[in-house]
Amino acid sequence: MRRVDEAIRVVLSDAIAKDLKDPRVGFVTVTAVKTSPDLRHARVFVSVLGDERVRSESLEGLRSAHGFLQAQLAAELRFKHTPTLEFEYDESVDRGMRISQLIEDVGRRTDDA
């Protein structure tokens, strides 16, 4: 499954960066893909550079372009059934940044003490 997930991630990353022309889609990075055991569904996790509004617009653009992106996937990879794509914001990036900030704050406090 990991190889399939990674192959889908690479194809979608390339298609979003080079072929998708929707102005709502900002700077998007495909961080992970999780496919169902039967490969009929794929949850695509993305991070978006920008605030909540930019994130919301980018996800809306990706969701509306899912048919185009599925066609790109079908053209690049040979599956019996091309997975239905579901886009979700990857909150792990935000959590990681928050943890880094907390560690930095604690480090500053111990330096000041």
N, C-alpha and C. Protein backbone atom coordinates (compact mmCIF):
# COMPACT_ATOMS: atom_id res chain seq x y z
N MET A 1 0.81 -1.20 0.00
CA MET A 1 0.00 0.00 0.00
C MET A 1 0.85 1.26 0.00
N ARG A 2 1.97 1.23 0.72
CA ARG A 2 2.80 2.44 0.79
C ARG A 2 3.29 2.87 -0.59
N ARG A 3 3.65 1.91 -1.41
CA ARG A 3 4.14 2.25 -2.75
C ARG A 3 3.04 2.87 -3.58
N VAL A 4 1.83 2.35 -3.46
CA VAL A 4 0.69 2.91 -4.20
C VAL A 4 0.40 4.32 -3.69
N ASP A 5 0.36 4.48 -2.36
CA ASP A 5 0.10 5.80 -1.77
C ASP A 5 1.15 6.82 -2.24
N GLU A 6 2.40 6.41 -2.24
CA GLU A 6 3.48 7.32 -2.66
C GLU A 6 3.37 7.64 -4.15
N ALA A 7 3.04 6.67 -4.97
CA ALA A 7 2.89 6.91 -6.41
C ALA A 7 1.76 7.91 -6.66
N ILE A 8 0.65 7.74 -5.95
CA ILE A 8 -0.48 8.67 -6.09
C ILE A 8 -0.06 10.06 -5.63
N ARG A 9 0.67 10.14 -4.51
CA ARG A 9 1.12 11.43 -3.99
C ARG A 9 1.99 12.16 -5.02
N VAL A 10 2.90 11.45 -5.64
CA VAL A 10 3.80 12.06 -6.63
C VAL A 10 3.02 12.57 -7.84
N VAL A 11 2.12 11.76 -8.37
CA VAL A 11 1.33 12.16 -9.54
C VAL A 11 0.47 13.37 -9.22
N LEU A 12 -0.22 13.35 -8.08
CA LEU A 12 -1.08 14.47 -7.71
C LEU A 12 -0.27 15.74 -7.45
N SER A 13 0.87 15.61 -6.79
CA SER A 13 1.72 16.78 -6.54
C SER A 13 2.12 17.44 -7.84
N ASP A 14 2.52 16.63 -8.80
CA ASP A 14 2.94 17.13 -10.10
C ASP A 14 1.76 17.78 -10.84
N ALA A 15 0.61 17.12 -10.82
CA ALA A 15 -0.57 17.64 -11.53
C ALA A 15 -1.04 18.96 -10.92
N ILE A 16 -1.03 19.05 -9.60
CA ILE A 16 -1.46 20.29 -8.93
C ILE A 16 -0.49 21.42 -9.25
N ALA A 17 0.80 21.13 -9.19
CA ALA A 17 1.80 22.17 -9.42
C ALA A 17 1.87 22.63 -10.87
N LYS A 18 1.73 21.70 -11.82
CA LYS A 18 1.98 22.04 -13.22
C LYS A 18 0.73 22.20 -14.08
N ASP A 19 -0.32 21.45 -13.79
CA ASP A 19 -1.46 21.39 -14.71
C ASP A 19 -2.73 22.06 -14.20
N LEU A 20 -2.88 22.19 -12.90
CA LEU A 20 -4.11 22.75 -12.35
C LEU A 20 -4.07 24.27 -12.44
N LYS A 21 -5.07 24.83 -13.10
CA LYS A 21 -5.09 26.28 -13.36
C LYS A 21 -6.13 27.03 -12.53
N ASP A 22 -6.71 26.40 -11.52
CA ASP A 22 -7.74 27.04 -10.70
C ASP A 22 -7.10 28.13 -9.84
N PRO A 23 -7.53 29.38 -9.98
CA PRO A 23 -6.92 30.48 -9.21
C PRO A 23 -7.16 30.38 -7.71
N ARG A 24 -8.14 29.59 -7.29
CA ARG A 24 -8.38 29.42 -5.86
C ARG A 24 -7.31 28.59 -5.18
N VAL A 25 -6.65 27.74 -5.95
CA VAL A 25 -5.65 26.84 -5.39
C VAL A 25 -4.33 27.59 -5.27
N GLY A 26 -3.93 27.82 -4.02
CA GLY A 26 -2.68 28.54 -3.76
C GLY A 26 -1.50 27.60 -3.75
N PHE A 27 -0.54 27.89 -2.88
CA PHE A 27 0.65 27.07 -2.76
C PHE A 27 0.30 25.84 -1.92
N VAL A 28 0.07 24.72 -2.59
CA VAL A 28 -0.40 23.49 -1.95
C VAL A 28 0.68 22.43 -2.05
N THR A 29 0.89 21.71 -0.95
CA THR A 29 1.80 20.58 -0.93
C THR A 29 1.02 19.34 -0.53
N VAL A 30 1.12 18.29 -1.32
CA VAL A 30 0.49 17.02 -0.96
C VAL A 30 1.44 16.33 0.02
N THR A 31 0.99 16.19 1.26
CA THR A 31 1.85 15.64 2.31
C THR A 31 1.72 14.13 2.46
N ALA A 32 0.54 13.59 2.18
CA ALA A 32 0.34 12.14 2.33
C ALA A 32 -0.91 11.72 1.57
N VAL A 33 -0.95 10.43 1.27
CA VAL A 33 -2.13 9.82 0.66
C VAL A 33 -2.39 8.52 1.40
N LYS A 34 -3.64 8.29 1.75
CA LYS A 34 -4.04 7.03 2.40
C LYS A 34 -5.14 6.41 1.54
N THR A 35 -4.85 5.25 0.97
CA THR A 35 -5.84 4.58 0.13
C THR A 35 -6.58 3.52 0.95
N SER A 36 -7.81 3.25 0.55
CA SER A 36 -8.58 2.18 1.19
C SER A 36 -8.01 0.84 0.72
N PRO A 37 -8.25 -0.23 1.47
CA PRO A 37 -7.71 -1.54 1.08
C PRO A 37 -8.10 -1.99 -0.33
N ASP A 38 -9.29 -1.60 -0.79
CA ASP A 38 -9.72 -1.99 -2.13
C ASP A 38 -9.28 -1.00 -3.21
N LEU A 39 -8.56 0.04 -2.82
CA LEU A 39 -8.03 1.08 -3.72
C LEU A 39 -9.11 1.87 -4.45
N ARG A 40 -10.30 1.89 -3.93
CA ARG A 40 -11.38 2.65 -4.57
C ARG A 40 -11.47 4.08 -4.05
N HIS A 41 -10.88 4.33 -2.90
CA HIS A 41 -10.92 5.67 -2.30
C HIS A 41 -9.52 6.06 -1.84
N ALA A 42 -9.22 7.34 -1.98
CA ALA A 42 -7.93 7.85 -1.51
C ALA A 42 -8.15 9.17 -0.78
N ARG A 43 -7.69 9.22 0.46
CA ARG A 43 -7.72 10.47 1.22
C ARG A 43 -6.38 11.16 0.96
N VAL A 44 -6.46 12.38 0.45
CA VAL A 44 -5.27 13.14 0.07
C VAL A 44 -5.11 14.26 1.08
N PHE A 45 -4.00 14.23 1.82
CA PHE A 45 -3.72 15.23 2.83
C PHE A 45 -2.82 16.30 2.23
N VAL A 46 -3.21 17.56 2.42
CA VAL A 46 -2.46 18.67 1.85
C VAL A 46 -2.16 19.72 2.92
N SER A 47 -1.05 20.41 2.73
CA SER A 47 -0.78 21.60 3.53
C SER A 47 -0.87 22.78 2.58
N VAL A 48 -1.29 23.91 3.11
CA VAL A 48 -1.51 25.10 2.30
C VAL A 48 -0.80 26.27 2.95
N LEU A 49 -0.01 26.98 2.17
CA LEU A 49 0.67 28.16 2.67
C LEU A 49 -0.32 29.32 2.68
N GLY A 50 -0.57 29.89 3.85
CA GLY A 50 -1.49 31.02 3.95
C GLY A 50 -2.41 30.89 5.14
N ASP A 51 -3.31 31.84 5.25
CA ASP A 51 -4.23 31.87 6.39
C ASP A 51 -5.43 30.95 6.15
N GLU A 52 -6.38 31.01 7.08
CA GLU A 52 -7.56 30.14 7.03
C GLU A 52 -8.37 30.34 5.75
N ARG A 53 -8.49 31.59 5.28
CA ARG A 53 -9.25 31.88 4.06
C ARG A 53 -8.58 31.23 2.85
N VAL A 54 -7.27 31.38 2.74
CA VAL A 54 -6.52 30.79 1.63
C VAL A 54 -6.64 29.27 1.67
N ARG A 55 -6.55 28.71 2.87
CA ARG A 55 -6.67 27.26 3.06
C ARG A 55 -8.05 26.77 2.59
N SER A 56 -9.08 27.48 3.00
CA SER A 56 -10.45 27.10 2.64
C SER A 56 -10.66 27.19 1.12
N GLU A 57 -10.19 28.26 0.51
CA GLU A 57 -10.33 28.42 -0.94
C GLU A 57 -9.55 27.36 -1.70
N SER A 58 -8.35 27.05 -1.23
CA SER A 58 -7.54 26.04 -1.89
C SER A 58 -8.21 24.67 -1.82
N LEU A 59 -8.75 24.31 -0.66
CA LEU A 59 -9.45 23.04 -0.53
C LEU A 59 -10.69 22.99 -1.41
N GLU A 60 -11.40 24.10 -1.48
CA GLU A 60 -12.58 24.18 -2.35
C GLU A 60 -12.17 23.97 -3.82
N GLY A 61 -11.07 24.61 -4.23
CA GLY A 61 -10.57 24.45 -5.59
C GLY A 61 -10.14 23.02 -5.88
N LEU A 62 -9.46 22.39 -4.93
CA LEU A 62 -9.03 21.01 -5.11
C LEU A 62 -10.23 20.07 -5.21
N ARG A 63 -11.22 20.31 -4.37
CA ARG A 63 -12.41 19.45 -4.39
C ARG A 63 -13.16 19.59 -5.71
N SER A 64 -13.22 20.81 -6.24
CA SER A 64 -13.92 21.00 -7.51
C SER A 64 -13.12 20.43 -8.68
N ALA A 65 -11.81 20.30 -8.52
CA ALA A 65 -10.96 19.77 -9.59
C ALA A 65 -10.70 18.27 -9.44
N HIS A 66 -11.41 17.61 -8.52
CA HIS A 66 -11.11 16.20 -8.28
C HIS A 66 -11.28 15.34 -9.53
N GLY A 67 -12.24 15.65 -10.39
CA GLY A 67 -12.42 14.89 -11.62
C GLY A 67 -11.22 15.01 -12.55
N PHE A 68 -10.73 16.24 -12.71
CA PHE A 68 -9.54 16.47 -13.53
C PHE A 68 -8.34 15.72 -12.94
N LEU A 69 -8.18 15.82 -11.61
CA LEU A 69 -7.04 15.17 -10.96
C LEU A 69 -7.16 13.64 -11.03
N GLN A 70 -8.37 13.11 -10.94
CA GLN A 70 -8.57 11.67 -11.10
C GLN A 70 -8.20 11.23 -12.51
N ALA A 71 -8.54 12.05 -13.50
CA ALA A 71 -8.18 11.73 -14.88
C ALA A 71 -6.66 11.72 -15.05
N GLN A 72 -5.99 12.67 -14.43
CA GLN A 72 -4.52 12.72 -14.48
C GLN A 72 -3.94 11.45 -13.85
N LEU A 73 -4.53 11.05 -12.74
CA LEU A 73 -4.10 9.85 -12.03
C LEU A 73 -4.30 8.61 -12.91
N ALA A 74 -5.45 8.53 -13.56
CA ALA A 74 -5.75 7.38 -14.44
C ALA A 74 -4.80 7.33 -15.63
N ALA A 75 -4.40 8.49 -16.13
CA ALA A 75 -3.49 8.53 -17.28
C ALA A 75 -2.07 8.10 -16.89
N GLU A 76 -1.67 8.39 -15.66
CA GLU A 76 -0.30 8.10 -15.22
C GLU A 76 -0.13 6.71 -14.63
N LEU A 77 -1.13 6.26 -13.87
CA LEU A 77 -1.03 4.99 -13.16
C LEU A 77 -2.11 4.04 -13.66
N ARG A 78 -1.78 2.79 -13.77
CA ARG A 78 -2.73 1.80 -14.26
C ARG A 78 -3.36 1.06 -13.09
N PHE A 79 -4.62 1.41 -12.81
CA PHE A 79 -5.39 0.74 -11.78
C PHE A 79 -6.61 0.09 -12.42
N LYS A 80 -7.11 -0.94 -11.79
CA LYS A 80 -8.37 -1.52 -12.25
C LYS A 80 -9.47 -0.47 -12.09
N HIS A 81 -9.47 0.21 -10.95
CA HIS A 81 -10.39 1.31 -10.66
C HIS A 81 -9.56 2.48 -10.16
N THR A 82 -9.76 3.65 -10.75
CA THR A 82 -9.06 4.84 -10.26
C THR A 82 -9.72 5.28 -8.96
N PRO A 83 -8.94 5.50 -7.91
CA PRO A 83 -9.53 5.88 -6.63
C PRO A 83 -10.28 7.21 -6.69
N THR A 84 -11.37 7.29 -5.96
CA THR A 84 -12.08 8.55 -5.77
C THR A 84 -11.27 9.37 -4.78
N LEU A 85 -11.01 10.62 -5.12
CA LEU A 85 -10.15 11.47 -4.29
C LEU A 85 -10.96 12.29 -3.30
N GLU A 86 -10.47 12.35 -2.08
CA GLU A 86 -11.06 13.17 -1.03
C GLU A 86 -9.92 14.00 -0.42
N PHE A 87 -10.04 15.32 -0.50
CA PHE A 87 -8.97 16.20 -0.03
C PHE A 87 -9.24 16.67 1.40
N GLU A 88 -8.19 16.62 2.22
CA GLU A 88 -8.28 17.07 3.61
C GLU A 88 -7.04 17.89 3.94
N TYR A 89 -7.24 18.88 4.82
CA TYR A 89 -6.12 19.67 5.28
C TYR A 89 -5.32 18.86 6.28
N ASP A 90 -4.01 18.83 6.13
CA ASP A 90 -3.12 18.09 7.03
C ASP A 90 -2.74 18.99 8.20
N GLU A 91 -3.33 18.74 9.34
CA GLU A 91 -3.10 19.57 10.51
C GLU A 91 -1.79 19.25 11.21
N SER A 92 -1.12 18.18 10.81
CA SER A 92 0.13 17.82 11.48
C SER A 92 1.20 18.89 11.28
N VAL A 93 1.15 19.60 10.17
CA VAL A 93 2.11 20.68 9.92
C VAL A 93 1.90 21.79 10.94
N ASP A 94 0.65 22.17 11.17
CA ASP A 94 0.34 23.20 12.17
C ASP A 94 0.75 22.75 13.57
N ARG A 95 0.46 21.48 13.89
CA ARG A 95 0.84 20.97 15.21
C ARG A 95 2.35 20.99 15.38
N GLY A 96 3.07 20.59 14.36
CA GLY A 96 4.53 20.60 14.42
C GLY A 96 5.08 22.00 14.62
N MET A 97 4.50 22.98 13.92
CA MET A 97 4.95 24.37 14.08
C MET A 97 4.64 24.87 15.49
N ARG A 98 3.47 24.50 16.01
CA ARG A 98 3.10 24.92 17.37
C ARG A 98 4.04 24.30 18.40
N ILE A 99 4.37 23.03 18.25
CA ILE A 99 5.30 22.38 19.18
C ILE A 99 6.67 23.03 19.10
N SER A 100 7.14 23.33 17.89
CA SER A 100 8.43 24.01 17.74
C SER A 100 8.42 25.36 18.43
N GLN A 101 7.32 26.10 18.29
CA GLN A 101 7.20 27.40 18.95
C GLN A 101 7.23 27.26 20.46
N LEU A 102 6.52 26.27 20.99
CA LEU A 102 6.51 26.05 22.44
C LEU A 102 7.90 25.69 22.95
N ILE A 103 8.61 24.85 22.23
CA ILE A 103 9.97 24.48 22.63
C ILE A 103 10.88 25.70 22.60
N GLU A 104 10.74 26.52 21.58
CA GLU A 104 11.53 27.74 21.48
C GLU A 104 11.22 28.68 22.65
N ASP A 105 9.94 28.82 23.00
CA ASP A 105 9.55 29.68 24.13
C ASP A 105 10.14 29.18 25.44
N VAL A 106 10.10 27.86 25.66
CA VAL A 106 10.67 27.29 26.88
C VAL A 106 12.18 27.52 26.90
N GLY A 107 12.83 27.37 25.76
CA GLY A 107 14.27 27.62 25.68
C GLY A 107 14.62 29.06 26.02
N ARG A 108 13.82 30.00 25.57
CA ARG A 108 14.06 31.42 25.89
C ARG A 108 13.89 31.68 27.38
N ARG A 109 12.88 31.05 27.97
CA ARG A 109 12.63 31.25 29.41
C ARG A 109 13.78 30.71 30.25
N THR A 110 14.32 29.55 29.87
CA THR A 110 15.43 29.00 30.65
C THR A 110 16.70 29.81 30.45
N ASP A 111 16.87 30.42 29.29
CA ASP A 111 18.03 31.29 29.06
C ASP A 111 17.93 32.56 29.89
N ASP A 112 16.71 33.07 30.06
CA ASP A 112 16.49 34.29 30.84
C ASP A 112 16.62 34.04 32.33
N ALA A 113 16.41 32.84 32.78
CA ALA A 113 16.42 32.54 34.23
C ALA A 113 17.81 32.43 34.78
